[in-house]
Amino acid sequence: MSLGPNSRRTPKNVARSAPPMGGARTSAMIASLDAEGRATKPAPFGHALAELAQTRDDIVGLSADLSKYTDLHVFAKAHPDKFYQMGMAEQVLISAAAGLAKEGFTPFATTYAVFAARRAYDFIAMAIAEDNLPVKICCALPGLTTGYGPSHQSTEDIAIMRGMPGLTVLDPCDATEIDQATRAIADHPGPVYMRLLRGQVPDVLGEYGYQFKLGKAQMIRDGGDVLFVSTGLMTMRALDAAARLQKDGVEAGVLHVPTIKPLDEDTIAEACGKTGRLVVTAENHSINGGLGEAVAGTLMRRGLRPAFAQVALPDEWLDAGALPTLHDQYGLSVDAVVKRVKGLL
């Protein structure tokens, strides 16, 4: 049975807390990411889905007793007749979503990423993906976005979901992209696994006139010395790191890859094929099986051999503690990314 927000084991390894730093804050279980001086939007997933349901009778939302912690509570309040509370049972959640899809609905099933990827995998594979049903599995607390330890830190979900045939896998960056991606996947005819940031979510890509396109990578900024190939919240960090590096005379580009599967191999190969610059993949995920290895495989198959490095979480169970401390410890903070790139150069 799933653990509720106030019920879980005490973590064995607790990172020592440091004073809060710009870039992340946490109340452990209900983690939000923000940035000092940066605009944010509340619950972009919940608001986008609620707006969609105003004009689409097929849209329904399901939760495994976590609607407040996935922002689905916004949808539930606006459309109580389209909301299904399935209790703390992820297999039941997925099975119910599959049944609704077979009856012509477009279900959005929400829970924590660890619970979908680890506990409900077989149900997603057999009840949803094999039949190519239009179920959208939208999951909060991806990667290292909570300080509550391994039971809630979903560091390997992309690796797990990438291997499932027919499943589209997304890792949106910010509030703008979560809003746009939610609307886009509602029109996608097949199953989708999408990571979510929740609460007050930074609004970054809107500054660049960004428009999400399912299955497409996009160059947010270009630079001749370094190319970040990033996804999810690490695109925010890559953009901040690029600005910091520019002050030191290092020109860094950022290629944002929100769709991990199917991967936009052509755009990635074209961008990485420019000679003379270091390619650094950046992801809020284990170094195994995520964006970094997907990009490396693409480059190998295309016969491209740029200088290459990965910014990712280590292949280990992570500590519990304050998010800013953990992001520094595991190399995801802007300071850590800048230091890593300078060391590589």
C-alpha atoms as a PDB file:
ATOM      1  CA  MET A   1       0.000   0.000   0.000  1.00  0.00           C
ATOM      2  CA  SER A   2       1.179   3.521  -0.758  1.00  0.00           C
ATOM      3  CA  LEU A   3       2.423   5.715   2.036  1.00  0.00           C
ATOM      4  CA  GLY A   4       0.390   8.849   2.696  1.00  0.00           C
ATOM      5  CA  PRO A   5       1.982  12.275   3.105  1.00  0.00           C
ATOM      6  CA  ASN A   6       2.311  11.786   6.849  1.00  0.00           C
ATOM      7  CA  SER A   7       3.196   8.107   6.896  1.00  0.00           C
ATOM      8  CA  ARG A   8       6.600   6.754   5.891  1.00  0.00           C
ATOM      9  CA  ARG A   9       9.736   5.287   7.365  1.00  0.00           C
ATOM     10  CA  THR A  10      12.485   7.471   8.763  1.00  0.00           C
ATOM     11  CA  PRO A  11      15.355   7.700   6.229  1.00  0.00           C
ATOM     12  CA  LYS A  12      18.657   6.145   7.266  1.00  0.00           C
ATOM     13  CA  ASN A  13      20.886   8.722   5.574  1.00  0.00           C
ATOM     14  CA  VAL A  14      20.048  12.358   6.163  1.00  0.00           C
ATOM     15  CA  ALA A  15      22.110  15.086   4.525  1.00  0.00           C
ATOM     16  CA  ARG A  16      22.986  17.933   6.862  1.00  0.00           C
ATOM     17  CA  SER A  17      20.775  20.911   6.164  1.00  0.00           C
ATOM     18  CA  ALA A  18      22.164  24.183   4.891  1.00  0.00           C
ATOM     19  CA  PRO A  19      20.476  27.600   4.802  1.00  0.00           C
ATOM     20  CA  PRO A  20      17.998  27.829   1.893  1.00  0.00           C
ATOM     21  CA  MET A  21      19.553  28.960  -1.390  1.00  0.00           C
ATOM     22  CA  GLY A  22      17.963  30.423  -4.491  1.00  0.00           C
ATOM     23  CA  GLY A  23      16.904  27.658  -6.876  1.00  0.00           C
ATOM     24  CA  ALA A  24      15.134  25.216  -4.595  1.00  0.00           C
ATOM     25  CA  ARG A  25      13.058  25.019  -1.474  1.00  0.00           C
ATOM     26  CA  THR A  26      11.288  22.106   0.095  1.00  0.00           C
ATOM     27  CA  SER A  27       8.887  21.061   2.763  1.00  0.00           C
ATOM     28  CA  ALA A  28      10.194  17.550   2.065  1.00  0.00           C
ATOM     29  CA  MET A  29       7.085  15.675   0.928  1.00  0.00           C
ATOM     30  CA  ILE A  30       5.308  18.481  -0.932  1.00  0.00           C
ATOM     31  CA  ALA A  31       8.365  19.774  -2.731  1.00  0.00           C
ATOM     32  CA  SER A  32       8.329  22.852  -4.907  1.00  0.00           C
ATOM     33  CA  LEU A  33      11.170  24.301  -6.922  1.00  0.00           C
ATOM     34  CA  ASP A  34      11.525  28.020  -7.332  1.00  0.00           C
ATOM     35  CA  ALA A  35      14.211  30.560  -8.100  1.00  0.00           C
ATOM     36  CA  GLU A  36      14.938  33.824  -6.407  1.00  0.00           C
ATOM     37  CA  GLY A  37      13.555  36.727  -8.415  1.00  0.00           C
ATOM     38  CA  ARG A  38      11.990  34.457 -11.028  1.00  0.00           C
ATOM     39  CA  ALA A  39       8.303  34.470 -11.908  1.00  0.00           C
ATOM     40  CA  THR A  40       6.288  31.397 -10.958  1.00  0.00           C
ATOM     41  CA  LYS A  41       2.843  30.032 -11.740  1.00  0.00           C
ATOM     42  CA  PRO A  42       0.755  27.924  -9.350  1.00  0.00           C
ATOM     43  CA  ALA A  43      -0.255  24.374 -10.263  1.00  0.00           C
ATOM     44  CA  PRO A  44       0.136  24.633 -14.073  1.00  0.00           C
ATOM     45  CA  PHE A  45      -0.861  21.006 -14.638  1.00  0.00           C
ATOM     46  CA  GLY A  46      -4.063  21.240 -12.609  1.00  0.00           C
ATOM     47  CA  HIS A  47      -5.142  24.506 -14.199  1.00  0.00           C
ATOM     48  CA  ALA A  48      -4.400  23.328 -17.756  1.00  0.00           C
ATOM     49  CA  LEU A  49      -6.363  20.117 -17.253  1.00  0.00           C
ATOM     50  CA  ALA A  50      -9.290  21.976 -15.682  1.00  0.00           C
ATOM     51  CA  GLU A  51      -9.433  24.311 -18.679  1.00  0.00           C
ATOM     52  CA  LEU A  52      -9.305  21.398 -21.113  1.00  0.00           C
ATOM     53  CA  ALA A  53     -12.210  19.682 -19.376  1.00  0.00           C
ATOM     54  CA  GLN A  54     -14.425  22.735 -19.869  1.00  0.00           C
ATOM     55  CA  THR A  55     -14.734  21.904 -23.562  1.00  0.00           C
ATOM     56  CA  ARG A  56     -13.932  18.177 -23.623  1.00  0.00           C
ATOM     57  CA  ASP A  57     -16.288  15.674 -22.041  1.00  0.00           C
ATOM     58  CA  ASP A  58     -13.771  12.856 -22.498  1.00  0.00           C
ATOM     59  CA  ILE A  59     -11.226  14.302 -20.055  1.00  0.00           C
ATOM     60  CA  VAL A  60     -11.233  12.641 -16.621  1.00  0.00           C
ATOM     61  CA  GLY A  61      -8.777  12.782 -13.736  1.00  0.00           C
ATOM     62  CA  LEU A  62      -7.775  10.018 -11.337  1.00  0.00           C
ATOM     63  CA  SER A  63      -5.672  10.116  -8.182  1.00  0.00           C
ATOM     64  CA  ALA A  64      -4.233   7.546  -5.787  1.00  0.00           C
ATOM     65  CA  ASP A  65      -5.016   9.673  -2.717  1.00  0.00           C
ATOM     66  CA  LEU A  66      -2.475  12.304  -3.776  1.00  0.00           C
ATOM     67  CA  SER A  67      -4.475  14.940  -5.662  1.00  0.00           C
ATOM     68  CA  LYS A  68      -3.182  17.771  -3.448  1.00  0.00           C
ATOM     69  CA  TYR A  69       0.400  16.665  -4.059  1.00  0.00           C
ATOM     70  CA  THR A  70       0.116  16.357  -7.853  1.00  0.00           C
ATOM     71  CA  ASP A  71      -1.958  19.551  -8.310  1.00  0.00           C
ATOM     72  CA  LEU A  72      -4.920  17.507  -9.532  1.00  0.00           C
ATOM     73  CA  HIS A  73      -6.945  19.049  -6.688  1.00  0.00           C
ATOM     74  CA  VAL A  74      -7.418  22.099  -8.943  1.00  0.00           C
ATOM     75  CA  PHE A  75      -9.103  19.888 -11.533  1.00  0.00           C
ATOM     76  CA  ALA A  76     -11.109  18.025  -8.881  1.00  0.00           C
ATOM     77  CA  LYS A  77     -12.512  21.260  -7.475  1.00  0.00           C
ATOM     78  CA  ALA A  78     -13.489  22.540 -10.922  1.00  0.00           C
ATOM     79  CA  HIS A  79     -14.905  19.227 -12.181  1.00  0.00           C
ATOM     80  CA  PRO A  80     -15.904  16.977  -9.264  1.00  0.00           C
ATOM     81  CA  ASP A  81     -18.042  14.868 -11.609  1.00  0.00           C
ATOM     82  CA  LYS A  82     -14.954  14.032 -13.693  1.00  0.00           C
ATOM     83  CA  PHE A  83     -12.647  13.226 -10.790  1.00  0.00           C
ATOM     84  CA  TYR A  84     -12.046   9.724  -9.396  1.00  0.00           C
ATOM     85  CA  GLN A  85     -10.309   9.132  -6.069  1.00  0.00           C
ATOM     86  CA  MET A  86      -8.944   5.578  -6.200  1.00  0.00           C
ATOM     87  CA  GLY A  87      -7.296   5.427  -2.777  1.00  0.00           C
ATOM     88  CA  MET A  88      -3.742   4.373  -2.010  1.00  0.00           C
ATOM     89  CA  ALA A  89      -3.588   1.592  -4.614  1.00  0.00           C
ATOM     90  CA  GLU A  90      -1.652   2.425  -7.760  1.00  0.00           C
ATOM     91  CA  GLN A  91      -2.500  -0.826  -9.540  1.00  0.00           C
ATOM     92  CA  VAL A  92      -6.195  -0.028  -9.091  1.00  0.00           C
ATOM     93  CA  LEU A  93      -5.556   3.509 -10.336  1.00  0.00           C
ATOM     94  CA  ILE A  94      -3.961   2.252 -13.544  1.00  0.00           C
ATOM     95  CA  SER A  95      -6.544  -0.476 -14.094  1.00  0.00           C
ATOM     96  CA  ALA A  96      -9.402   1.993 -13.680  1.00  0.00           C
ATOM     97  CA  ALA A  97      -7.739   4.413 -16.090  1.00  0.00           C
ATOM     98  CA  ALA A  98      -7.391   1.613 -18.650  1.00  0.00           C
ATOM     99  CA  GLY A  99     -11.070   0.739 -18.290  1.00  0.00           C
ATOM    100  CA  LEU A 100     -12.140   4.341 -18.741  1.00  0.00           C
ATOM    101  CA  ALA A 101      -9.945   4.629 -21.838  1.00  0.00           C
ATOM    102  CA  LYS A 102     -11.602   1.568 -23.360  1.00  0.00           C
ATOM    103  CA  GLU A 103     -14.960   3.289 -22.866  1.00  0.00           C
ATOM    104  CA  GLY A 104     -13.835   6.324 -24.867  1.00  0.00           C
ATOM    105  CA  PHE A 105     -12.475   8.601 -22.149  1.00  0.00           C
ATOM    106  CA  THR A 106      -9.055  10.275 -22.020  1.00  0.00           C
ATOM    107  CA  PRO A 107      -7.895   9.579 -18.460  1.00  0.00           C
ATOM    108  CA  PHE A 108      -5.151  11.526 -16.675  1.00  0.00           C
ATOM    109  CA  ALA A 109      -3.894   9.259 -13.887  1.00  0.00           C
ATOM    110  CA  THR A 110      -1.737  10.990 -11.287  1.00  0.00           C
ATOM    111  CA  THR A 111       0.485   9.802  -8.457  1.00  0.00           C
ATOM    112  CA  TYR A 112       4.137  10.043  -7.420  1.00  0.00           C
ATOM    113  CA  ALA A 113       6.664   8.918 -10.010  1.00  0.00           C
ATOM    114  CA  VAL A 114       8.099   6.228  -7.721  1.00  0.00           C
ATOM    115  CA  PHE A 115       4.699   4.629  -7.267  1.00  0.00           C
ATOM    116  CA  ALA A 116       3.850   4.579 -10.979  1.00  0.00           C
ATOM    117  CA  ALA A 117       7.237   3.369 -12.173  1.00  0.00           C
ATOM    118  CA  ARG A 118       7.948   0.818  -9.448  1.00  0.00           C
ATOM    119  CA  ARG A 119       4.578  -0.433  -8.215  1.00  0.00           C
ATOM    120  CA  ALA A 120       2.313  -0.167 -11.238  1.00  0.00           C
ATOM    121  CA  TYR A 121       4.730  -1.025 -14.058  1.00  0.00           C
ATOM    122  CA  ASP A 122       3.160  -4.348 -15.055  1.00  0.00           C
ATOM    123  CA  PHE A 123      -0.322  -2.821 -15.064  1.00  0.00           C
ATOM    124  CA  ILE A 124       0.851   0.055 -17.264  1.00  0.00           C
ATOM    125  CA  ALA A 125       2.488  -2.412 -19.663  1.00  0.00           C
ATOM    126  CA  MET A 126      -0.294  -4.972 -19.931  1.00  0.00           C
ATOM    127  CA  ALA A 127      -3.456  -2.884 -19.405  1.00  0.00           C
ATOM    128  CA  ILE A 128      -2.428   0.332 -21.175  1.00  0.00           C
ATOM    129  CA  ALA A 129       0.680   0.240 -23.372  1.00  0.00           C
ATOM    130  CA  GLU A 130       0.070  -3.105 -25.070  1.00  0.00           C
ATOM    131  CA  ASP A 131      -3.383  -1.925 -26.162  1.00  0.00           C
ATOM    132  CA  ASN A 132      -2.108   1.572 -27.036  1.00  0.00           C
ATOM    133  CA  LEU A 133      -4.746   3.203 -24.854  1.00  0.00           C
ATOM    134  CA  PRO A 134      -4.781   7.014 -24.524  1.00  0.00           C
ATOM    135  CA  VAL A 135      -4.019   7.081 -20.783  1.00  0.00           C
ATOM    136  CA  LYS A 136      -1.818   9.946 -19.597  1.00  0.00           C
ATOM    137  CA  ILE A 137       0.214   9.000 -16.512  1.00  0.00           C
ATOM    138  CA  CYS A 138       1.350  12.270 -14.923  1.00  0.00           C
ATOM    139  CA  CYS A 139       3.671  11.966 -11.960  1.00  0.00           C
ATOM    140  CA  ALA A 140       4.996  14.361  -9.339  1.00  0.00           C
ATOM    141  CA  LEU A 141       8.291  14.175  -7.420  1.00  0.00           C
ATOM    142  CA  PRO A 142      10.477  13.112 -10.364  1.00  0.00           C
ATOM    143  CA  GLY A 143      14.171  12.548  -9.722  1.00  0.00           C
ATOM    144  CA  LEU A 144      15.584  14.599  -6.858  1.00  0.00           C
ATOM    145  CA  THR A 145      12.649  16.952  -6.230  1.00  0.00           C
ATOM    146  CA  THR A 146      11.950  15.824  -2.692  1.00  0.00           C
ATOM    147  CA  GLY A 147      14.210  15.546   0.306  1.00  0.00           C
ATOM    148  CA  TYR A 148      12.367  12.544   1.708  1.00  0.00           C
ATOM    149  CA  GLY A 149      14.801   9.839   0.690  1.00  0.00           C
ATOM    150  CA  PRO A 150      14.793   6.816  -1.637  1.00  0.00           C
ATOM    151  CA  SER A 151      11.186   5.763  -0.983  1.00  0.00           C
ATOM    152  CA  HIS A 152      10.005   8.960  -2.706  1.00  0.00           C
ATOM    153  CA  GLN A 153      12.942   9.962  -4.946  1.00  0.00           C
ATOM    154  CA  SER A 154      12.209   8.615  -8.405  1.00  0.00           C
ATOM    155  CA  THR A 155      15.701   8.587  -9.847  1.00  0.00           C
ATOM    156  CA  GLU A 156      15.200   5.735 -12.326  1.00  0.00           C
ATOM    157  CA  ASP A 157      11.682   6.264 -13.724  1.00  0.00           C
ATOM    158  CA  ILE A 158      12.770   7.426 -17.182  1.00  0.00           C
ATOM    159  CA  ALA A 159      15.017   4.392 -17.586  1.00  0.00           C
ATOM    160  CA  ILE A 160      12.106   2.147 -16.615  1.00  0.00           C
ATOM    161  CA  MET A 161       9.556   3.824 -18.868  1.00  0.00           C
ATOM    162  CA  ARG A 162      11.858   4.264 -21.888  1.00  0.00           C
ATOM    163  CA  GLY A 163      11.965   0.510 -22.273  1.00  0.00           C
ATOM    164  CA  MET A 164       8.190   0.107 -22.612  1.00  0.00           C
ATOM    165  CA  PRO A 165       7.087  -0.225 -26.260  1.00  0.00           C
ATOM    166  CA  GLY A 166       4.690   2.433 -27.500  1.00  0.00           C
ATOM    167  CA  LEU A 167       4.949   4.688 -24.436  1.00  0.00           C
ATOM    168  CA  THR A 168       5.754   8.359 -24.989  1.00  0.00           C
ATOM    169  CA  VAL A 169       7.968   9.782 -22.207  1.00  0.00           C
ATOM    170  CA  LEU A 170       8.117  13.502 -21.333  1.00  0.00           C
ATOM    171  CA  ASP A 171      10.060  15.604 -18.839  1.00  0.00           C
ATOM    172  CA  PRO A 172       8.812  19.215 -19.088  1.00  0.00           C
ATOM    173  CA  CYS A 173      10.964  22.080 -17.848  1.00  0.00           C
ATOM    174  CA  ASP A 174       8.706  24.712 -16.289  1.00  0.00           C
ATOM    175  CA  ALA A 175       5.199  26.113 -15.867  1.00  0.00           C
ATOM    176  CA  THR A 176       4.925  27.234 -19.490  1.00  0.00           C
ATOM    177  CA  GLU A 177       5.863  23.819 -20.805  1.00  0.00           C
ATOM    178  CA  ILE A 178       3.766  21.836 -18.340  1.00  0.00           C
ATOM    179  CA  ASP A 179       0.728  23.851 -19.428  1.00  0.00           C
ATOM    180  CA  GLN A 180       1.459  23.364 -23.123  1.00  0.00           C
ATOM    181  CA  ALA A 181       2.455  19.711 -22.819  1.00  0.00           C
ATOM    182  CA  THR A 182      -0.680  18.822 -20.856  1.00  0.00           C
ATOM    183  CA  ARG A 183      -2.807  20.171 -23.684  1.00  0.00           C
ATOM    184  CA  ALA A 184      -0.671  18.460 -26.328  1.00  0.00           C
ATOM    185  CA  ILE A 185      -0.751  14.998 -24.785  1.00  0.00           C
ATOM    186  CA  ALA A 186      -4.532  15.200 -24.423  1.00  0.00           C
ATOM    187  CA  ASP A 187      -4.638  15.089 -28.239  1.00  0.00           C
ATOM    188  CA  HIS A 188      -2.036  12.325 -28.540  1.00  0.00           C
ATOM    189  CA  PRO A 189      -3.749   9.018 -29.427  1.00  0.00           C
ATOM    190  CA  GLY A 190      -1.438   6.766 -27.385  1.00  0.00           C
ATOM    191  CA  PRO A 191      -0.224   6.365 -23.795  1.00  0.00           C
ATOM    192  CA  VAL A 192       2.053   8.953 -22.203  1.00  0.00           C
ATOM    193  CA  TYR A 193       4.242   9.082 -19.110  1.00  0.00           C
ATOM    194  CA  MET A 194       4.902  12.692 -18.068  1.00  0.00           C
ATOM    195  CA  ARG A 195       6.923  14.004 -15.155  1.00  0.00           C
ATOM    196  CA  LEU A 196       5.486  16.952 -13.217  1.00  0.00           C
ATOM    197  CA  LEU A 197       6.775  19.848 -11.174  1.00  0.00           C
ATOM    198  CA  ARG A 198       4.091  20.980  -8.740  1.00  0.00           C
ATOM    199  CA  GLY A 199       3.152  23.897  -6.541  1.00  0.00           C
ATOM    200  CA  GLN A 200       4.695  27.241  -7.470  1.00  0.00           C
ATOM    201  CA  VAL A 201       6.526  26.288 -10.660  1.00  0.00           C
ATOM    202  CA  PRO A 202       9.090  28.649 -12.251  1.00  0.00           C
ATOM    203  CA  ASP A 203       8.157  30.226 -15.571  1.00  0.00           C
ATOM    204  CA  VAL A 204      11.377  30.279 -17.591  1.00  0.00           C
ATOM    205  CA  LEU A 205      10.788  29.307 -21.204  1.00  0.00           C
ATOM    206  CA  GLY A 206       8.136  31.957 -21.760  1.00  0.00           C
ATOM    207  CA  GLU A 207      10.972  34.503 -21.813  1.00  0.00           C
ATOM    208  CA  TYR A 208      12.233  32.829 -25.005  1.00  0.00           C
ATOM    209  CA  GLY A 209       8.892  32.664 -26.822  1.00  0.00           C
ATOM    210  CA  TYR A 210       8.967  28.892 -26.434  1.00  0.00           C
ATOM    211  CA  GLN A 211       6.222  26.654 -27.835  1.00  0.00           C
ATOM    212  CA  PHE A 212       6.168  22.977 -26.893  1.00  0.00           C
ATOM    213  CA  LYS A 213       6.090  20.487 -29.757  1.00  0.00           C
ATOM    214  CA  LEU A 214       5.591  16.836 -28.934  1.00  0.00           C
ATOM    215  CA  GLY A 215       8.597  14.789 -30.039  1.00  0.00           C
ATOM    216  CA  LYS A 216      10.780  17.806 -30.816  1.00  0.00           C
ATOM    217  CA  ALA A 217      13.964  19.163 -29.245  1.00  0.00           C
ATOM    218  CA  GLN A 218      14.523  22.919 -29.489  1.00  0.00           C
ATOM    219  CA  MET A 219      17.563  25.160 -29.248  1.00  0.00           C
ATOM    220  CA  ILE A 220      16.847  27.737 -26.548  1.00  0.00           C
ATOM    221  CA  ARG A 221      20.191  29.530 -26.913  1.00  0.00           C
ATOM    222  CA  ASP A 222      23.308  28.775 -28.942  1.00  0.00           C
ATOM    223  CA  GLY A 223      26.994  28.913 -28.085  1.00  0.00           C
ATOM    224  CA  GLY A 224      30.204  27.757 -29.687  1.00  0.00           C
ATOM    225  CA  ASP A 225      32.156  26.364 -26.715  1.00  0.00           C
ATOM    226  CA  VAL A 226      29.688  24.132 -24.879  1.00  0.00           C
ATOM    227  CA  LEU A 227      26.326  22.598 -25.732  1.00  0.00           C
ATOM    228  CA  PHE A 228      24.022  21.545 -22.912  1.00  0.00           C
ATOM    229  CA  VAL A 229      21.536  18.898 -24.039  1.00  0.00           C
ATOM    230  CA  SER A 230      19.058  19.035 -21.197  1.00  0.00           C
ATOM    231  CA  THR A 231      15.602  18.039 -20.093  1.00  0.00           C
ATOM    232  CA  GLY A 232      13.179  18.794 -17.281  1.00  0.00           C
ATOM    233  CA  LEU A 233      14.237  21.163 -14.525  1.00  0.00           C
ATOM    234  CA  MET A 234      17.857  20.813 -15.623  1.00  0.00           C
ATOM    235  CA  THR A 235      17.092  23.030 -18.609  1.00  0.00           C
ATOM    236  CA  MET A 236      16.477  25.827 -16.092  1.00  0.00           C
ATOM    237  CA  ARG A 237      19.821  25.048 -14.509  1.00  0.00           C
ATOM    238  CA  ALA A 238      21.548  24.823 -17.894  1.00  0.00           C
ATOM    239  CA  LEU A 239      20.237  28.251 -18.903  1.00  0.00           C
ATOM    240  CA  ASP A 240      21.440  29.761 -15.624  1.00  0.00           C
ATOM    241  CA  ALA A 241      24.792  28.004 -15.961  1.00  0.00           C
ATOM    242  CA  ALA A 242      25.170  29.253 -19.538  1.00  0.00           C
ATOM    243  CA  ALA A 243      24.585  32.840 -18.406  1.00  0.00           C
ATOM    244  CA  ARG A 244      27.153  32.396 -15.636  1.00  0.00           C
ATOM    245  CA  LEU A 245      29.707  30.873 -18.020  1.00  0.00           C
ATOM    246  CA  GLN A 246      29.233  33.695 -20.502  1.00  0.00           C
ATOM    247  CA  LYS A 247      30.511  36.144 -17.893  1.00  0.00           C
ATOM    248  CA  ASP A 248      33.721  34.130 -17.861  1.00  0.00           C
ATOM    249  CA  GLY A 249      34.057  34.160 -21.630  1.00  0.00           C
ATOM    250  CA  VAL A 250      32.597  30.690 -22.263  1.00  0.00           C
ATOM    251  CA  GLU A 251      29.774  30.579 -24.814  1.00  0.00           C
ATOM    252  CA  ALA A 252      27.284  27.818 -23.980  1.00  0.00           C
ATOM    253  CA  GLY A 253      24.212  26.722 -25.895  1.00  0.00           C
ATOM    254  CA  VAL A 254      21.170  24.932 -24.488  1.00  0.00           C
ATOM    255  CA  LEU A 255      19.260  22.321 -26.500  1.00  0.00           C
ATOM    256  CA  HIS A 256      16.085  21.459 -24.602  1.00  0.00           C
ATOM    257  CA  VAL A 257      14.779  17.902 -25.034  1.00  0.00           C
ATOM    258  CA  PRO A 258      11.380  17.554 -23.314  1.00  0.00           C
ATOM    259  CA  THR A 259      10.425  14.377 -25.184  1.00  0.00           C
ATOM    260  CA  ILE A 260      12.747  11.581 -24.090  1.00  0.00           C
ATOM    261  CA  LYS A 261      10.884   9.025 -26.179  1.00  0.00           C
ATOM    262  CA  PRO A 262      10.530   9.183 -29.105  1.00  0.00           C
ATOM    263  CA  LEU A 263      13.828  11.053 -29.131  1.00  0.00           C
ATOM    264  CA  ASP A 264      14.394  13.799 -31.701  1.00  0.00           C
ATOM    265  CA  GLU A 265      17.594  12.193 -32.956  1.00  0.00           C
ATOM    266  CA  ASP A 266      17.927  14.368 -36.057  1.00  0.00           C
ATOM    267  CA  THR A 267      17.940  17.660 -34.133  1.00  0.00           C
ATOM    268  CA  ILE A 268      20.274  16.262 -31.488  1.00  0.00           C
ATOM    269  CA  ALA A 269      22.727  14.892 -34.060  1.00  0.00           C
ATOM    270  CA  GLU A 270      22.745  18.140 -36.026  1.00  0.00           C
ATOM    271  CA  ALA A 271      23.398  20.233 -32.913  1.00  0.00           C
ATOM    272  CA  CYS A 272      26.035  17.905 -31.464  1.00  0.00           C
ATOM    273  CA  GLY A 273      27.721  17.420 -34.813  1.00  0.00           C
ATOM    274  CA  LYS A 274      29.134  20.957 -34.852  1.00  0.00           C
ATOM    275  CA  THR A 275      32.838  20.476 -34.309  1.00  0.00           C
ATOM    276  CA  GLY A 276      34.886  21.892 -31.513  1.00  0.00           C
ATOM    277  CA  ARG A 277      32.394  22.154 -28.665  1.00  0.00           C
ATOM    278  CA  LEU A 278      31.878  20.083 -25.569  1.00  0.00           C
ATOM    279  CA  VAL A 279      28.513  18.287 -25.311  1.00  0.00           C
ATOM    280  CA  VAL A 280      27.115  18.017 -21.777  1.00  0.00           C
ATOM    281  CA  THR A 281      23.834  16.223 -21.153  1.00  0.00           C
ATOM    282  CA  ALA A 282      21.962  17.388 -18.050  1.00  0.00           C
ATOM    283  CA  GLU A 283      19.085  15.560 -16.391  1.00  0.00           C
ATOM    284  CA  ASN A 284      17.378  15.135 -13.040  1.00  0.00           C
ATOM    285  CA  HIS A 285      17.701  11.361 -13.266  1.00  0.00           C
ATOM    286  CA  SER A 286      20.138   8.532 -12.717  1.00  0.00           C
ATOM    287  CA  ILE A 287      23.185   8.491 -14.955  1.00  0.00           C
ATOM    288  CA  ASN A 288      21.888   5.102 -16.128  1.00  0.00           C
ATOM    289  CA  GLY A 289      19.179   4.779 -18.756  1.00  0.00           C
ATOM    290  CA  GLY A 290      18.082   8.394 -19.126  1.00  0.00           C
ATOM    291  CA  LEU A 291      18.671  11.256 -21.533  1.00  0.00           C
ATOM    292  CA  GLY A 292      22.465  11.039 -21.360  1.00  0.00           C
ATOM    293  CA  GLU A 293      22.639   7.453 -22.535  1.00  0.00           C
ATOM    294  CA  ALA A 294      19.922   8.076 -25.135  1.00  0.00           C
ATOM    295  CA  VAL A 295      21.941  10.962 -26.581  1.00  0.00           C
ATOM    296  CA  ALA A 296      25.186   8.970 -26.430  1.00  0.00           C
ATOM    297  CA  GLY A 297      23.543   6.116 -28.322  1.00  0.00           C
ATOM    298  CA  THR A 298      22.279   8.507 -30.969  1.00  0.00           C
ATOM    299  CA  LEU A 299      25.740  10.007 -31.475  1.00  0.00           C
ATOM    300  CA  MET A 300      27.394   6.583 -31.690  1.00  0.00           C
ATOM    301  CA  ARG A 301      24.892   5.364 -34.264  1.00  0.00           C
ATOM    302  CA  ARG A 302      25.443   8.503 -36.341  1.00  0.00           C
ATOM    303  CA  GLY A 303      29.227   8.168 -36.193  1.00  0.00           C
ATOM    304  CA  LEU A 304      29.641  11.405 -34.199  1.00  0.00           C
ATOM    305  CA  ARG A 305      32.396  11.662 -31.578  1.00  0.00           C
ATOM    306  CA  PRO A 306      32.249  15.030 -29.766  1.00  0.00           C
ATOM    307  CA  ALA A 307      33.797  15.535 -26.343  1.00  0.00           C
ATOM    308  CA  PHE A 308      30.979  14.286 -24.138  1.00  0.00           C
ATOM    309  CA  ALA A 309      29.998  14.374 -20.452  1.00  0.00           C
ATOM    310  CA  GLN A 310      26.919  13.730 -18.329  1.00  0.00           C
ATOM    311  CA  VAL A 311      25.436  15.776 -15.510  1.00  0.00           C
ATOM    312  CA  ALA A 312      23.118  13.341 -13.763  1.00  0.00           C
ATOM    313  CA  LEU A 313      22.406  11.656 -10.460  1.00  0.00           C
ATOM    314  CA  PRO A 314      24.768   8.877  -9.370  1.00  0.00           C
ATOM    315  CA  ASP A 315      23.922   5.188  -9.508  1.00  0.00           C
ATOM    316  CA  GLU A 316      23.114   4.943  -5.808  1.00  0.00           C
ATOM    317  CA  TRP A 317      20.331   5.469  -3.270  1.00  0.00           C
ATOM    318  CA  LEU A 318      20.301   9.161  -2.432  1.00  0.00           C
ATOM    319  CA  ASP A 319      20.339  10.824   0.964  1.00  0.00           C
ATOM    320  CA  ALA A 320      17.418  12.610   2.563  1.00  0.00           C
ATOM    321  CA  GLY A 321      17.671  16.260   3.529  1.00  0.00           C
ATOM    322  CA  ALA A 322      17.155  19.813   2.272  1.00  0.00           C
ATOM    323  CA  LEU A 323      16.917  20.059  -1.504  1.00  0.00           C
ATOM    324  CA  PRO A 324      19.497  22.847  -1.979  1.00  0.00           C
ATOM    325  CA  THR A 325      22.015  20.793   0.003  1.00  0.00           C
ATOM    326  CA  LEU A 326      21.215  17.642  -1.962  1.00  0.00           C
ATOM    327  CA  HIS A 327      21.399  19.397  -5.340  1.00  0.00           C
ATOM    328  CA  ASP A 328      24.855  20.686  -4.457  1.00  0.00           C
ATOM    329  CA  GLN A 329      25.888  17.281  -3.128  1.00  0.00           C
ATOM    330  CA  TYR A 330      24.783  15.408  -6.244  1.00  0.00           C
ATOM    331  CA  GLY A 331      25.819  17.959  -8.853  1.00  0.00           C
ATOM    332  CA  LEU A 332      22.477  19.400  -9.996  1.00  0.00           C
ATOM    333  CA  SER A 333      22.814  22.954  -8.662  1.00  0.00           C
ATOM    334  CA  VAL A 334      23.888  25.791 -10.950  1.00  0.00           C
ATOM    335  CA  ASP A 335      27.112  26.181  -8.981  1.00  0.00           C
ATOM    336  CA  ALA A 336      27.872  22.488  -9.376  1.00  0.00           C
ATOM    337  CA  VAL A 337      27.113  22.514 -13.117  1.00  0.00           C
ATOM    338  CA  VAL A 338      29.328  25.559 -13.734  1.00  0.00           C
ATOM    339  CA  LYS A 339      32.164  24.021 -11.729  1.00  0.00           C
ATOM    340  CA  ARG A 340      31.843  20.739 -13.650  1.00  0.00           C
ATOM    341  CA  VAL A 341      31.926  22.417 -17.055  1.00  0.00           C
ATOM    342  CA  LYS A 342      34.912  24.592 -16.169  1.00  0.00           C
ATOM    343  CA  GLY A 343      36.745  21.479 -15.003  1.00  0.00           C
ATOM    344  CA  LEU A 344      35.994  19.729 -18.288  1.00  0.00           C
ATOM    345  CA  LEU A 345      37.163  22.698 -20.342  1.00  0.00           C
END
